Amino acid sequence: MSEDATGQGGIEVVDDSRRTVVRLWGDVDASLRDQASLAMVALLTRGGPYIIDVSDVTFIDSSGIAFVLQVHRMATDTGSTAVLRDPPVLVIEMLDLIGLGGTIPFEFSAGDTADRVETAGV
């Protein structure tokens, strides 16, 4: 899976040396339903632990948050883990808004932690 033809957003699954990474970028909304379904199959096949890389997300709606929560639930149901990598403020605030702030652990790249968390008021 790779960036969609419009360049507006996408979901792809890649392996790193220790964990399976699902990368979301751009506008993550209901238009990515097919990509989300394919990603879930790939994640189930590869197994965890999982990194949900949301560092390049510019918009996320309830469909996108539902996908993130499905990955987290799949990980916990299979005895694995899932973390959000470099969540932008909009993702942190959306999780807080729906009462799920703190449900999924965050993983920040060096130098990213203070800026994102302080801006989100966490």
PDB file of N, CA and C in Angstrom:
ATOM      1  N   MET A   1       0.842  -1.161   0.000  1.00  0.00           N
ATOM      2  CA  MET A   1       0.000   0.000   0.000  1.00  0.00           C
ATOM      3  C   MET A   1       0.894   1.233   0.000  1.00  0.00           C
ATOM      4  N   SER A   2       0.479   2.246  -0.691  1.00  0.00           N
ATOM      5  CA  SER A   2       1.249   3.492  -0.692  1.00  0.00           C
ATOM      6  C   SER A   2       0.301   4.664  -0.849  1.00  0.00           C
ATOM      7  N   GLU A   3       0.872   5.842  -0.929  1.00  0.00           N
ATOM      8  CA  GLU A   3       0.060   7.062  -0.986  1.00  0.00           C
ATOM      9  C   GLU A   3      -0.954   6.983  -2.120  1.00  0.00           C
ATOM     10  N   ASP A   4      -2.188   7.412  -1.818  1.00  0.00           N
ATOM     11  CA  ASP A   4      -3.243   7.329  -2.818  1.00  0.00           C
ATOM     12  C   ASP A   4      -3.012   8.348  -3.939  1.00  0.00           C
ATOM     13  N   ALA A   5      -3.732   8.172  -5.013  1.00  0.00           N
ATOM     14  CA  ALA A   5      -3.518   8.986  -6.208  1.00  0.00           C
ATOM     15  C   ALA A   5      -3.757  10.474  -5.962  1.00  0.00           C
ATOM     16  N   THR A   6      -4.645  10.800  -5.037  1.00  0.00           N
ATOM     17  CA  THR A   6      -4.938  12.203  -4.785  1.00  0.00           C
ATOM     18  C   THR A   6      -3.914  12.832  -3.846  1.00  0.00           C
ATOM     19  N   GLY A   7      -3.154  12.012  -3.140  1.00  0.00           N
ATOM     20  CA  GLY A   7      -2.164  12.519  -2.206  1.00  0.00           C
ATOM     21  C   GLY A   7      -2.773  13.115  -0.952  1.00  0.00           C
ATOM     22  N   GLN A   8      -4.065  12.889  -0.723  1.00  0.00           N
ATOM     23  CA  GLN A   8      -4.742  13.497   0.420  1.00  0.00           C
ATOM     24  C   GLN A   8      -4.554  12.724   1.713  1.00  0.00           C
ATOM     25  N   GLY A   9      -4.248  11.468   1.637  1.00  0.00           N
ATOM     26  CA  GLY A   9      -4.067  10.675   2.842  1.00  0.00           C
ATOM     27  C   GLY A   9      -3.882   9.221   2.501  1.00  0.00           C
ATOM     28  N   GLY A  10      -3.465   8.464   3.485  1.00  0.00           N
ATOM     29  CA  GLY A  10      -3.278   7.049   3.234  1.00  0.00           C
ATOM     30  C   GLY A  10      -2.877   6.280   4.471  1.00  0.00           C
ATOM     31  N   ILE A  11      -2.845   4.967   4.282  1.00  0.00           N
ATOM     32  CA  ILE A  11      -2.459   4.017   5.320  1.00  0.00           C
ATOM     33  C   ILE A  11      -1.594   2.961   4.664  1.00  0.00           C
ATOM     34  N   GLU A  12      -0.454   2.663   5.283  1.00  0.00           N
ATOM     35  CA  GLU A  12       0.390   1.582   4.783  1.00  0.00           C
ATOM     36  C   GLU A  12       0.995   0.829   5.958  1.00  0.00           C
ATOM     37  N   VAL A  13       1.314  -0.433   5.740  1.00  0.00           N
ATOM     38  CA  VAL A  13       1.928  -1.272   6.762  1.00  0.00           C
ATOM     39  C   VAL A  13       3.325  -1.636   6.289  1.00  0.00           C
ATOM     40  N   VAL A  14       4.299  -1.426   7.179  1.00  0.00           N
ATOM     41  CA  VAL A  14       5.695  -1.759   6.882  1.00  0.00           C
ATOM     42  C   VAL A  14       6.299  -2.456   8.094  1.00  0.00           C
ATOM     43  N   ASP A  15       7.358  -3.217   7.858  1.00  0.00           N
ATOM     44  CA  ASP A  15       8.058  -3.875   8.955  1.00  0.00           C
ATOM     45  C   ASP A  15       9.303  -3.085   9.303  1.00  0.00           C
ATOM     46  N   ASP A  16       9.600  -3.019  10.585  1.00  0.00           N
ATOM     47  CA  ASP A  16      10.929  -2.580  10.970  1.00  0.00           C
ATOM     48  C   ASP A  16      11.572  -3.800  11.630  1.00  0.00           C
ATOM     49  N   SER A  17      12.700  -3.639  12.224  1.00  0.00           N
ATOM     50  CA  SER A  17      13.423  -4.816  12.715  1.00  0.00           C
ATOM     51  C   SER A  17      12.733  -5.538  13.869  1.00  0.00           C
ATOM     52  N   ARG A  18      11.930  -4.823  14.650  1.00  0.00           N
ATOM     53  CA  ARG A  18      11.337  -5.458  15.828  1.00  0.00           C
ATOM     54  C   ARG A  18       9.823  -5.387  15.908  1.00  0.00           C
ATOM     55  N   ARG A  19       9.222  -4.434  15.191  1.00  0.00           N
ATOM     56  CA  ARG A  19       7.780  -4.215  15.318  1.00  0.00           C
ATOM     57  C   ARG A  19       7.165  -3.969  13.944  1.00  0.00           C
ATOM     58  N   THR A  20       5.869  -4.156  13.880  1.00  0.00           N
ATOM     59  CA  THR A  20       5.136  -3.853  12.660  1.00  0.00           C
ATOM     60  C   THR A  20       4.630  -2.426  12.762  1.00  0.00           C
ATOM     61  N   VAL A  21       4.873  -1.647  11.717  1.00  0.00           N
ATOM     62  CA  VAL A  21       4.499  -0.233  11.710  1.00  0.00           C
ATOM     63  C   VAL A  21       3.345  -0.017  10.741  1.00  0.00           C
ATOM     64  N   VAL A  22       2.302   0.643  11.219  1.00  0.00           N
ATOM     65  CA  VAL A  22       1.237   1.106  10.330  1.00  0.00           C
ATOM     66  C   VAL A  22       1.353   2.626  10.309  1.00  0.00           C
ATOM     67  N   ARG A  23       1.562   3.165   9.121  1.00  0.00           N
ATOM     68  CA  ARG A  23       1.780   4.601   8.960  1.00  0.00           C
ATOM     69  C   ARG A  23       0.528   5.228   8.363  1.00  0.00           C
ATOM     70  N   LEU A  24       0.058   6.279   9.022  1.00  0.00           N
ATOM     71  CA  LEU A  24      -1.083   7.051   8.539  1.00  0.00           C
ATOM     72  C   LEU A  24      -0.578   8.440   8.192  1.00  0.00           C
ATOM     73  N   TRP A  25      -1.091   9.022   7.129  1.00  0.00           N
ATOM     74  CA  TRP A  25      -0.675  10.364   6.755  1.00  0.00           C
ATOM     75  C   TRP A  25      -1.811  11.132   6.094  1.00  0.00           C
ATOM     76  N   GLY A  26      -1.683  12.456   6.135  1.00  0.00           N
ATOM     77  CA  GLY A  26      -2.659  13.330   5.487  1.00  0.00           C
ATOM     78  C   GLY A  26      -4.006  13.273   6.172  1.00  0.00           C
ATOM     79  N   ASP A  27      -5.063  13.350   5.375  1.00  0.00           N
ATOM     80  CA  ASP A  27      -6.429  13.280   5.873  1.00  0.00           C
ATOM     81  C   ASP A  27      -6.812  11.819   6.084  1.00  0.00           C
ATOM     82  N   VAL A  28      -7.023  11.442   7.332  1.00  0.00           N
ATOM     83  CA  VAL A  28      -7.391  10.066   7.667  1.00  0.00           C
ATOM     84  C   VAL A  28      -8.877  10.078   8.016  1.00  0.00           C
ATOM     85  N   ASP A  29      -9.667   9.613   7.048  1.00  0.00           N
ATOM     86  CA  ASP A  29     -11.112   9.669   7.205  1.00  0.00           C
ATOM     87  C   ASP A  29     -11.755   8.477   6.519  1.00  0.00           C
ATOM     88  N   ALA A  30     -13.072   8.520   6.379  1.00  0.00           N
ATOM     89  CA  ALA A  30     -13.826   7.390   5.816  1.00  0.00           C
ATOM     90  C   ALA A  30     -13.416   7.044   4.389  1.00  0.00           C
ATOM     91  N   SER A  31     -12.816   7.983   3.668  1.00  0.00           N
ATOM     92  CA  SER A  31     -12.407   7.681   2.289  1.00  0.00           C
ATOM     93  C   SER A  31     -11.284   6.637   2.250  1.00  0.00           C
ATOM     94  N   LEU A  32     -10.652   6.368   3.388  1.00  0.00           N
ATOM     95  CA  LEU A  32      -9.565   5.386   3.444  1.00  0.00           C
ATOM     96  C   LEU A  32     -10.038   4.019   3.938  1.00  0.00           C
ATOM     97  N   ARG A  33     -11.329   3.802   3.921  1.00  0.00           N
ATOM     98  CA  ARG A  33     -11.914   2.555   4.432  1.00  0.00           C
ATOM     99  C   ARG A  33     -11.268   1.315   3.820  1.00  0.00           C
ATOM    100  N   ASP A  34     -11.091   1.295   2.503  1.00  0.00           N
ATOM    101  CA  ASP A  34     -10.493   0.120   1.849  1.00  0.00           C
ATOM    102  C   ASP A  34      -9.044  -0.079   2.279  1.00  0.00           C
ATOM    103  N   GLN A  35      -8.282   1.024   2.365  1.00  0.00           N
ATOM    104  CA  GLN A  35      -6.897   0.926   2.823  1.00  0.00           C
ATOM    105  C   GLN A  35      -6.840   0.430   4.268  1.00  0.00           C
ATOM    106  N   ALA A  36      -7.769   0.895   5.095  1.00  0.00           N
ATOM    107  CA  ALA A  36      -7.806   0.468   6.496  1.00  0.00           C
ATOM    108  C   ALA A  36      -8.078  -1.033   6.596  1.00  0.00           C
ATOM    109  N   SER A  37      -8.991  -1.523   5.774  1.00  0.00           N
ATOM    110  CA  SER A  37      -9.304  -2.960   5.786  1.00  0.00           C
ATOM    111  C   SER A  37      -8.096  -3.788   5.376  1.00  0.00           C
ATOM    112  N   LEU A  38      -7.416  -3.369   4.319  1.00  0.00           N
ATOM    113  CA  LEU A  38      -6.219  -4.081   3.869  1.00  0.00           C
ATOM    114  C   LEU A  38      -5.114  -4.022   4.929  1.00  0.00           C
ATOM    115  N   ALA A  39      -4.996  -2.883   5.579  1.00  0.00           N
ATOM    116  CA  ALA A  39      -3.981  -2.738   6.625  1.00  0.00           C
ATOM    117  C   ALA A  39      -4.271  -3.669   7.797  1.00  0.00           C
ATOM    118  N   MET A  40      -5.525  -3.795   8.199  1.00  0.00           N
ATOM    119  CA  MET A  40      -5.869  -4.684   9.306  1.00  0.00           C
ATOM    120  C   MET A  40      -5.508  -6.135   8.981  1.00  0.00           C
ATOM    121  N   VAL A  41      -5.758  -6.557   7.755  1.00  0.00           N
ATOM    122  CA  VAL A  41      -5.390  -7.916   7.352  1.00  0.00           C
ATOM    123  C   VAL A  41      -3.874  -8.092   7.440  1.00  0.00           C
ATOM    124  N   ALA A  42      -3.125  -7.115   6.932  1.00  0.00           N
ATOM    125  CA  ALA A  42      -1.665  -7.187   6.984  1.00  0.00           C
ATOM    126  C   ALA A  42      -1.164  -7.210   8.426  1.00  0.00           C
ATOM    127  N   LEU A  43      -1.772  -6.405   9.292  1.00  0.00           N
ATOM    128  CA  LEU A  43      -1.365  -6.373  10.693  1.00  0.00           C
ATOM    129  C   LEU A  43      -1.631  -7.706  11.378  1.00  0.00           C
ATOM    130  N   LEU A  44      -2.791  -8.277  11.117  1.00  0.00           N
ATOM    131  CA  LEU A  44      -3.115  -9.586  11.694  1.00  0.00           C
ATOM    132  C   LEU A  44      -2.137 -10.653  11.221  1.00  0.00           C
ATOM    133  N   THR A  45      -1.768 -10.591   9.959  1.00  0.00           N
ATOM    134  CA  THR A  45      -0.854 -11.572   9.380  1.00  0.00           C
ATOM    135  C   THR A  45       0.546 -11.444   9.969  1.00  0.00           C
ATOM    136  N   ARG A  46       1.025 -10.227  10.125  1.00  0.00           N
ATOM    137  CA  ARG A  46       2.396  -9.990  10.587  1.00  0.00           C
ATOM    138  C   ARG A  46       2.547 -10.095  12.094  1.00  0.00           C
ATOM    139  N   GLY A  47       1.528  -9.727  12.815  1.00  0.00           N
ATOM    140  CA  GLY A  47       1.604  -9.773  14.270  1.00  0.00           C
ATOM    141  C   GLY A  47       2.320  -8.573  14.864  1.00  0.00           C
ATOM    142  N   GLY A  48       2.194  -8.453  16.186  1.00  0.00           N
ATOM    143  CA  GLY A  48       2.755  -7.305  16.891  1.00  0.00           C
ATOM    144  C   GLY A  48       4.097  -7.622  17.495  1.00  0.00           C
ATOM    145  N   PRO A  49       4.619  -6.672  18.234  1.00  0.00           N
ATOM    146  CA  PRO A  49       4.037  -5.405  18.656  1.00  0.00           C
ATOM    147  C   PRO A  49       3.885  -4.420  17.497  1.00  0.00           C
ATOM    148  N   TYR A  50       3.014  -3.429  17.696  1.00  0.00           N
ATOM    149  CA  TYR A  50       2.659  -2.500  16.636  1.00  0.00           C
ATOM    150  C   TYR A  50       3.033  -1.063  16.993  1.00  0.00           C
ATOM    151  N   ILE A  51       3.452  -0.335  15.986  1.00  0.00           N
ATOM    152  CA  ILE A  51       3.629   1.112  16.084  1.00  0.00           C
ATOM    153  C   ILE A  51       2.607   1.727  15.142  1.00  0.00           C
ATOM    154  N   ILE A  52       1.806   2.640  15.644  1.00  0.00           N
ATOM    155  CA  ILE A  52       0.862   3.378  14.819  1.00  0.00           C
ATOM    156  C   ILE A  52       1.473   4.756  14.618  1.00  0.00           C
ATOM    157  N   ASP A  53       2.103   4.953  13.465  1.00  0.00           N
ATOM    158  CA  ASP A  53       2.816   6.197  13.182  1.00  0.00           C
ATOM    159  C   ASP A  53       1.828   7.209  12.614  1.00  0.00           C
ATOM    160  N   VAL A  54       1.491   8.193  13.436  1.00  0.00           N
ATOM    161  CA  VAL A  54       0.531   9.222  13.035  1.00  0.00           C
ATOM    162  C   VAL A  54       1.209  10.588  12.892  1.00  0.00           C
ATOM    163  N   SER A  55       2.514  10.588  12.782  1.00  0.00           N
ATOM    164  CA  SER A  55       3.281  11.847  12.774  1.00  0.00           C
ATOM    165  C   SER A  55       2.922  12.760  11.609  1.00  0.00           C
ATOM    166  N   ASP A  56       2.454  12.204  10.492  1.00  0.00           N
ATOM    167  CA  ASP A  56       2.140  13.010   9.313  1.00  0.00           C
ATOM    168  C   ASP A  56       0.640  13.187   9.078  1.00  0.00           C
ATOM    169  N   VAL A  57      -0.165  12.921  10.109  1.00  0.00           N
ATOM    170  CA  VAL A  57      -1.615  13.105   9.993  1.00  0.00           C
ATOM    171  C   VAL A  57      -1.940  14.593  10.104  1.00  0.00           C
ATOM    172  N   THR A  58      -2.708  15.088   9.135  1.00  0.00           N
ATOM    173  CA  THR A  58      -3.110  16.495   9.143  1.00  0.00           C
ATOM    174  C   THR A  58      -4.583  16.676   9.504  1.00  0.00           C
ATOM    175  N   PHE A  59      -5.356  15.596   9.426  1.00  0.00           N
ATOM    176  CA  PHE A  59      -6.777  15.608   9.787  1.00  0.00           C
ATOM    177  C   PHE A  59      -7.148  14.179  10.133  1.00  0.00           C
ATOM    178  N   ILE A  60      -7.987  14.012  11.151  1.00  0.00           N
ATOM    179  CA  ILE A  60      -8.484  12.675  11.479  1.00  0.00           C
ATOM    180  C   ILE A  60      -9.916  12.803  11.969  1.00  0.00           C
ATOM    181  N   ASP A  61     -10.795  11.970  11.437  1.00  0.00           N
ATOM    182  CA  ASP A  61     -12.185  11.983  11.875  1.00  0.00           C
ATOM    183  C   ASP A  61     -12.468  10.718  12.681  1.00  0.00           C
ATOM    184  N   SER A  62     -13.727  10.485  12.973  1.00  0.00           N
ATOM    185  CA  SER A  62     -14.088   9.332  13.798  1.00  0.00           C
ATOM    186  C   SER A  62     -13.695   8.006  13.149  1.00  0.00           C
ATOM    187  N   SER A  63     -13.702   7.937  11.826  1.00  0.00           N
ATOM    188  CA  SER A  63     -13.278   6.711  11.137  1.00  0.00           C
ATOM    189  C   SER A  63     -11.801   6.440  11.372  1.00  0.00           C
ATOM    190  N   GLY A  64     -11.002   7.491  11.321  1.00  0.00           N
ATOM    191  CA  GLY A  64      -9.570   7.341  11.566  1.00  0.00           C
ATOM    192  C   GLY A  64      -9.279   6.948  12.998  1.00  0.00           C
ATOM    193  N   ILE A  65      -9.961   7.582  13.945  1.00  0.00           N
ATOM    194  CA  ILE A  65      -9.796   7.230  15.356  1.00  0.00           C
ATOM    195  C   ILE A  65     -10.253   5.796  15.587  1.00  0.00           C
ATOM    196  N   ALA A  66     -11.338   5.389  14.943  1.00  0.00           N
ATOM    197  CA  ALA A  66     -11.820   4.005  15.078  1.00  0.00           C
ATOM    198  C   ALA A  66     -10.762   3.016  14.596  1.00  0.00           C
ATOM    199  N   PHE A  67     -10.070   3.340  13.500  1.00  0.00           N
ATOM    200  CA  PHE A  67      -9.007   2.468  13.002  1.00  0.00           C
ATOM    201  C   PHE A  67      -7.889   2.349  14.037  1.00  0.00           C
ATOM    202  N   VAL A  68      -7.462   3.478  14.580  1.00  0.00           N
ATOM    203  CA  VAL A  68      -6.400   3.475  15.600  1.00  0.00           C
ATOM    204  C   VAL A  68      -6.825   2.610  16.787  1.00  0.00           C
ATOM    205  N   LEU A  69      -8.060   2.762  17.235  1.00  0.00           N
ATOM    206  CA  LEU A  69      -8.551   1.990  18.369  1.00  0.00           C
ATOM    207  C   LEU A  69      -8.670   0.504  18.042  1.00  0.00           C
ATOM    208  N   GLN A  70      -9.015   0.173  16.804  1.00  0.00           N
ATOM    209  CA  GLN A  70      -9.074  -1.233  16.393  1.00  0.00           C
ATOM    210  C   GLN A  70      -7.694  -1.871  16.450  1.00  0.00           C
ATOM    211  N   VAL A  71      -6.680  -1.141  16.009  1.00  0.00           N
ATOM    212  CA  VAL A  71      -5.316  -1.674  16.070  1.00  0.00           C
ATOM    213  C   VAL A  71      -4.930  -1.898  17.530  1.00  0.00           C
ATOM    214  N   HIS A  72      -5.227  -0.929  18.378  1.00  0.00           N
ATOM    215  CA  HIS A  72      -4.914  -1.068  19.804  1.00  0.00           C
ATOM    216  C   HIS A  72      -5.648  -2.261  20.412  1.00  0.00           C
ATOM    217  N   ARG A  73      -6.909  -2.391  20.118  1.00  0.00           N
ATOM    218  CA  ARG A  73      -7.697  -3.512  20.661  1.00  0.00           C
ATOM    219  C   ARG A  73      -7.170  -4.849  20.156  1.00  0.00           C
ATOM    220  N   MET A  74      -6.822  -4.929  18.859  1.00  0.00           N
ATOM    221  CA  MET A  74      -6.268  -6.159  18.309  1.00  0.00           C
ATOM    222  C   MET A  74      -4.988  -6.534  19.049  1.00  0.00           C
ATOM    223  N   ALA A  75      -4.146  -5.544  19.300  1.00  0.00           N
ATOM    224  CA  ALA A  75      -2.899  -5.809  20.003  1.00  0.00           C
ATOM    225  C   ALA A  75      -3.165  -6.365  21.401  1.00  0.00           C
ATOM    226  N   THR A  76      -4.030  -5.710  22.152  1.00  0.00           N
ATOM    227  CA  THR A  76      -4.284  -6.175  23.517  1.00  0.00           C
ATOM    228  C   THR A  76      -4.993  -7.525  23.528  1.00  0.00           C
ATOM    229  N   ASP A  77      -5.882  -7.754  22.575  1.00  0.00           N
ATOM    230  CA  ASP A  77      -6.589  -9.041  22.509  1.00  0.00           C
ATOM    231  C   ASP A  77      -5.659 -10.203  22.174  1.00  0.00           C
ATOM    232  N   THR A  78      -4.543  -9.911  21.506  1.00  0.00           N
ATOM    233  CA  THR A  78      -3.595 -10.972  21.136  1.00  0.00           C
ATOM    234  C   THR A  78      -2.377 -10.995  22.057  1.00  0.00           C
ATOM    235  N   GLY A  79      -2.444 -10.243  23.156  1.00  0.00           N
ATOM    236  CA  GLY A  79      -1.338 -10.236  24.108  1.00  0.00           C
ATOM    237  C   GLY A  79      -0.135  -9.439  23.655  1.00  0.00           C
ATOM    238  N   SER A  80      -0.342  -8.520  22.739  1.00  0.00           N
ATOM    239  CA  SER A  80       0.740  -7.694  22.222  1.00  0.00           C
ATOM    240  C   SER A  80       0.556  -6.250  22.690  1.00  0.00           C
ATOM    241  N   THR A  81       1.287  -5.336  22.064  1.00  0.00           N
ATOM    242  CA  THR A  81       1.185  -3.932  22.413  1.00  0.00           C
ATOM    243  C   THR A  81       1.067  -3.084  21.152  1.00  0.00           C
ATOM    244  N   ALA A  82       0.542  -1.878  21.336  1.00  0.00           N
ATOM    245  CA  ALA A  82       0.482  -0.890  20.261  1.00  0.00           C
ATOM    246  C   ALA A  82       0.781   0.470  20.886  1.00  0.00           C
ATOM    247  N   VAL A  83       1.573   1.270  20.183  1.00  0.00           N
ATOM    248  CA  VAL A  83       1.878   2.630  20.633  1.00  0.00           C
ATOM    249  C   VAL A  83       1.643   3.603  19.493  1.00  0.00           C
ATOM    250  N   LEU A  84       1.290   4.838  19.848  1.00  0.00           N
ATOM    251  CA  LEU A  84       1.154   5.915  18.866  1.00  0.00           C
ATOM    252  C   LEU A  84       2.494   6.626  18.758  1.00  0.00           C
ATOM    253  N   ARG A  85       3.058   6.646  17.566  1.00  0.00           N
ATOM    254  CA  ARG A  85       4.333   7.328  17.356  1.00  0.00           C
ATOM    255  C   ARG A  85       4.095   8.772  16.930  1.00  0.00           C
ATOM    256  N   ASP A  86       4.702   9.695  17.664  1.00  0.00           N
ATOM    257  CA  ASP A  86       4.698  11.124  17.348  1.00  0.00           C
ATOM    258  C   ASP A  86       3.305  11.659  17.003  1.00  0.00           C
ATOM    259  N   PRO A  87       2.333  11.446  17.913  1.00  0.00           N
ATOM    260  CA  PRO A  87       0.987  11.949  17.593  1.00  0.00           C
ATOM    261  C   PRO A  87       0.953  13.472  17.553  1.00  0.00           C
ATOM    262  N   PRO A  88       0.393  14.040  16.488  1.00  0.00           N
ATOM    263  CA  PRO A  88       0.209  15.488  16.455  1.00  0.00           C
ATOM    264  C   PRO A  88      -0.868  15.886  17.466  1.00  0.00           C
ATOM    265  N   VAL A  89      -0.895  17.147  17.799  1.00  0.00           N
ATOM    266  CA  VAL A  89      -1.845  17.658  18.790  1.00  0.00           C
ATOM    267  C   VAL A  89      -3.270  17.270  18.425  1.00  0.00           C
ATOM    268  N   LEU A  90      -3.624  17.327  17.151  1.00  0.00           N
ATOM    269  CA  LEU A  90      -5.007  17.037  16.762  1.00  0.00           C
ATOM    270  C   LEU A  90      -5.415  15.608  17.112  1.00  0.00           C
ATOM    271  N   VAL A  91      -4.496  14.663  17.053  1.00  0.00           N
ATOM    272  CA  VAL A  91      -4.811  13.278  17.424  1.00  0.00           C
ATOM    273  C   VAL A  91      -4.950  13.164  18.939  1.00  0.00           C
ATOM    274  N   ILE A  92      -4.042  13.773  19.671  1.00  0.00           N
ATOM    275  CA  ILE A  92      -4.103  13.745  21.134  1.00  0.00           C
ATOM    276  C   ILE A  92      -5.411  14.374  21.617  1.00  0.00           C
ATOM    277  N   GLU A  93      -5.754  15.524  21.048  1.00  0.00           N
ATOM    278  CA  GLU A  93      -6.988  16.204  21.447  1.00  0.00           C
ATOM    279  C   GLU A  93      -8.234  15.401  21.088  1.00  0.00           C
ATOM    280  N   MET A  94      -8.232  14.732  19.952  1.00  0.00           N
ATOM    281  CA  MET A  94      -9.381  13.917  19.553  1.00  0.00           C
ATOM    282  C   MET A  94      -9.579  12.757  20.536  1.00  0.00           C
ATOM    283  N   LEU A  95      -8.489  12.098  20.919  1.00  0.00           N
ATOM    284  CA  LEU A  95      -8.592  11.013  21.898  1.00  0.00           C
ATOM    285  C   LEU A  95      -9.093  11.541  23.238  1.00  0.00           C
ATOM    286  N   ASP A  96      -8.597  12.695  23.649  1.00  0.00           N
ATOM    287  CA  ASP A  96      -9.065  13.315  24.894  1.00  0.00           C
ATOM    288  C   ASP A  96     -10.544  13.661  24.806  1.00  0.00           C
ATOM    289  N   LEU A  97     -10.956  14.215  23.668  1.00  0.00           N
ATOM    290  CA  LEU A  97     -12.337  14.638  23.462  1.00  0.00           C
ATOM    291  C   LEU A  97     -13.327  13.492  23.637  1.00  0.00           C
ATOM    292  N   ILE A  98     -12.951  12.307  23.168  1.00  0.00           N
ATOM    293  CA  ILE A  98     -13.866  11.166  23.265  1.00  0.00           C
ATOM    294  C   ILE A  98     -13.637  10.344  24.532  1.00  0.00           C
ATOM    295  N   GLY A  99     -12.818  10.873  25.436  1.00  0.00           N
ATOM    296  CA  GLY A  99     -12.608  10.218  26.722  1.00  0.00           C
ATOM    297  C   GLY A  99     -11.619   9.072  26.701  1.00  0.00           C
ATOM    298  N   LEU A 100     -10.789   8.995  25.671  1.00  0.00           N
ATOM    299  CA  LEU A 100      -9.832   7.898  25.565  1.00  0.00           C
ATOM    300  C   LEU A 100      -8.383   8.349  25.645  1.00  0.00           C
ATOM    301  N   GLY A 101      -8.180   9.588  26.099  1.00  0.00           N
ATOM    302  CA  GLY A 101      -6.817  10.060  26.300  1.00  0.00           C
ATOM    303  C   GLY A 101      -6.119   9.163  27.304  1.00  0.00           C
ATOM    304  N   GLY A 102      -4.884   8.794  27.015  1.00  0.00           N
ATOM    305  CA  GLY A 102      -4.124   7.924  27.903  1.00  0.00           C
ATOM    306  C   GLY A 102      -4.370   6.446  27.687  1.00  0.00           C
ATOM    307  N   THR A 103      -5.293   6.095  26.803  1.00  0.00           N
ATOM    308  CA  THR A 103      -5.588   4.683  26.532  1.00  0.00           C
ATOM    309  C   THR A 103      -4.459   4.012  25.772  1.00  0.00           C
ATOM    310  N   ILE A 104      -3.922   4.713  24.792  1.00  0.00           N
ATOM    311  CA  ILE A 104      -2.849   4.171  23.964  1.00  0.00           C
ATOM    312  C   ILE A 104      -1.560   4.914  24.322  1.00  0.00           C
ATOM    313  N   PRO A 105      -0.503   4.187  24.668  1.00  0.00           N
ATOM    314  CA  PRO A 105       0.755   4.866  25.011  1.00  0.00           C
ATOM    315  C   PRO A 105       1.332   5.609  23.802  1.00  0.00           C
ATOM    316  N   PHE A 106       2.053   6.694  24.089  1.00  0.00           N
ATOM    317  CA  PHE A 106       2.727   7.478  23.060  1.00  0.00           C
ATOM    318  C   PHE A 106       4.204   7.107  23.017  1.00  0.00           C
ATOM    319  N   GLU A 107       4.769   7.223  21.822  1.00  0.00           N
ATOM    320  CA  GLU A 107       6.211   7.078  21.623  1.00  0.00           C
ATOM    321  C   GLU A 107       6.652   8.277  20.799  1.00  0.00           C
ATOM    322  N   PHE A 108       7.582   9.066  21.341  1.00  0.00           N
ATOM    323  CA  PHE A 108       8.010  10.283  20.658  1.00  0.00           C
ATOM    324  C   PHE A 108       9.446  10.170  20.179  1.00  0.00           C
ATOM    325  N   SER A 109       9.692  10.748  19.010  1.00  0.00           N
ATOM    326  CA  SER A 109      11.053  10.879  18.512  1.00  0.00           C
ATOM    327  C   SER A 109      11.766  11.905  19.383  1.00  0.00           C
ATOM    328  N   ALA A 110      13.066  11.856  19.407  1.00  0.00           N
ATOM    329  CA  ALA A 110      13.843  12.797  20.218  1.00  0.00           C
ATOM    330  C   ALA A 110      13.440  14.234  19.890  1.00  0.00           C
ATOM    331  N   GLY A 111      13.202  15.039  20.926  1.00  0.00           N
ATOM    332  CA  GLY A 111      12.872  16.444  20.747  1.00  0.00           C
ATOM    333  C   GLY A 111      11.417  16.727  20.439  1.00  0.00           C
ATOM    334  N   ASP A 112      10.609  15.707  20.262  1.00  0.00           N
ATOM    335  CA  ASP A 112       9.214  15.886  19.880  1.00  0.00           C
ATOM    336  C   ASP A 112       8.274  15.932  21.081  1.00  0.00           C
ATOM    337  N   THR A 113       8.648  15.316  22.170  1.00  0.00           N
ATOM    338  CA  THR A 113       7.763  15.129  23.310  1.00  0.00           C
ATOM    339  C   THR A 113       7.202  16.425  23.865  1.00  0.00           C
ATOM    340  N   ALA A 114       8.058  17.303  24.280  1.00  0.00           N
ATOM    341  CA  ALA A 114       7.602  18.519  24.971  1.00  0.00           C
ATOM    342  C   ALA A 114       6.681  19.355  24.106  1.00  0.00           C
ATOM    343  N   ASP A 115       7.048  19.551  22.865  1.00  0.00           N
ATOM    344  CA  ASP A 115       6.239  20.396  21.977  1.00  0.00           C
ATOM    345  C   ASP A 115       4.822  19.868  21.828  1.00  0.00           C
ATOM    346  N   ARG A 116       4.676  18.622  21.524  1.00  0.00           N
ATOM    347  CA  ARG A 116       3.344  18.067  21.257  1.00  0.00           C
ATOM    348  C   ARG A 116       2.506  17.938  22.514  1.00  0.00           C
ATOM    349  N   VAL A 117       3.098  17.430  23.581  1.00  0.00           N
ATOM    350  CA  VAL A 117       2.326  17.203  24.795  1.00  0.00           C
ATOM    351  C   VAL A 117       1.935  18.533  25.450  1.00  0.00           C
ATOM    352  N   GLU A 118       2.848  19.487  25.520  1.00  0.00           N
ATOM    353  CA  GLU A 118       2.525  20.777  26.133  1.00  0.00           C
ATOM    354  C   GLU A 118       1.460  21.516  25.333  1.00  0.00           C
ATOM    355  N   THR A 119       1.552  21.466  24.014  1.00  0.00           N
ATOM    356  CA  THR A 119       0.569  22.136  23.173  1.00  0.00           C
ATOM    357  C   THR A 119      -0.819  21.526  23.359  1.00  0.00           C
ATOM    358  N   ALA A 120      -0.864  20.221  23.581  1.00  0.00           N
ATOM    359  CA  ALA A 120      -2.145  19.543  23.766  1.00  0.00           C
ATOM    360  C   ALA A 120      -2.683  19.682  25.178  1.00  0.00           C
ATOM    361  N   GLY A 121      -1.862  20.209  26.085  1.00  0.00           N
ATOM    362  CA  GLY A 121      -2.312  20.377  27.453  1.00  0.00           C
ATOM    363  C   GLY A 121      -2.292  19.101  28.250  1.00  0.00           C
ATOM    364  N   VAL A 122      -1.518  18.126  27.815  1.00  0.00           N
ATOM    365  CA  VAL A 122      -1.426  16.835  28.523  1.00  0.00           C
ATOM    366  C   VAL A 122      -0.479  16.977  29.678  1.00  0.00           C
TER     367      VAL A 122
END
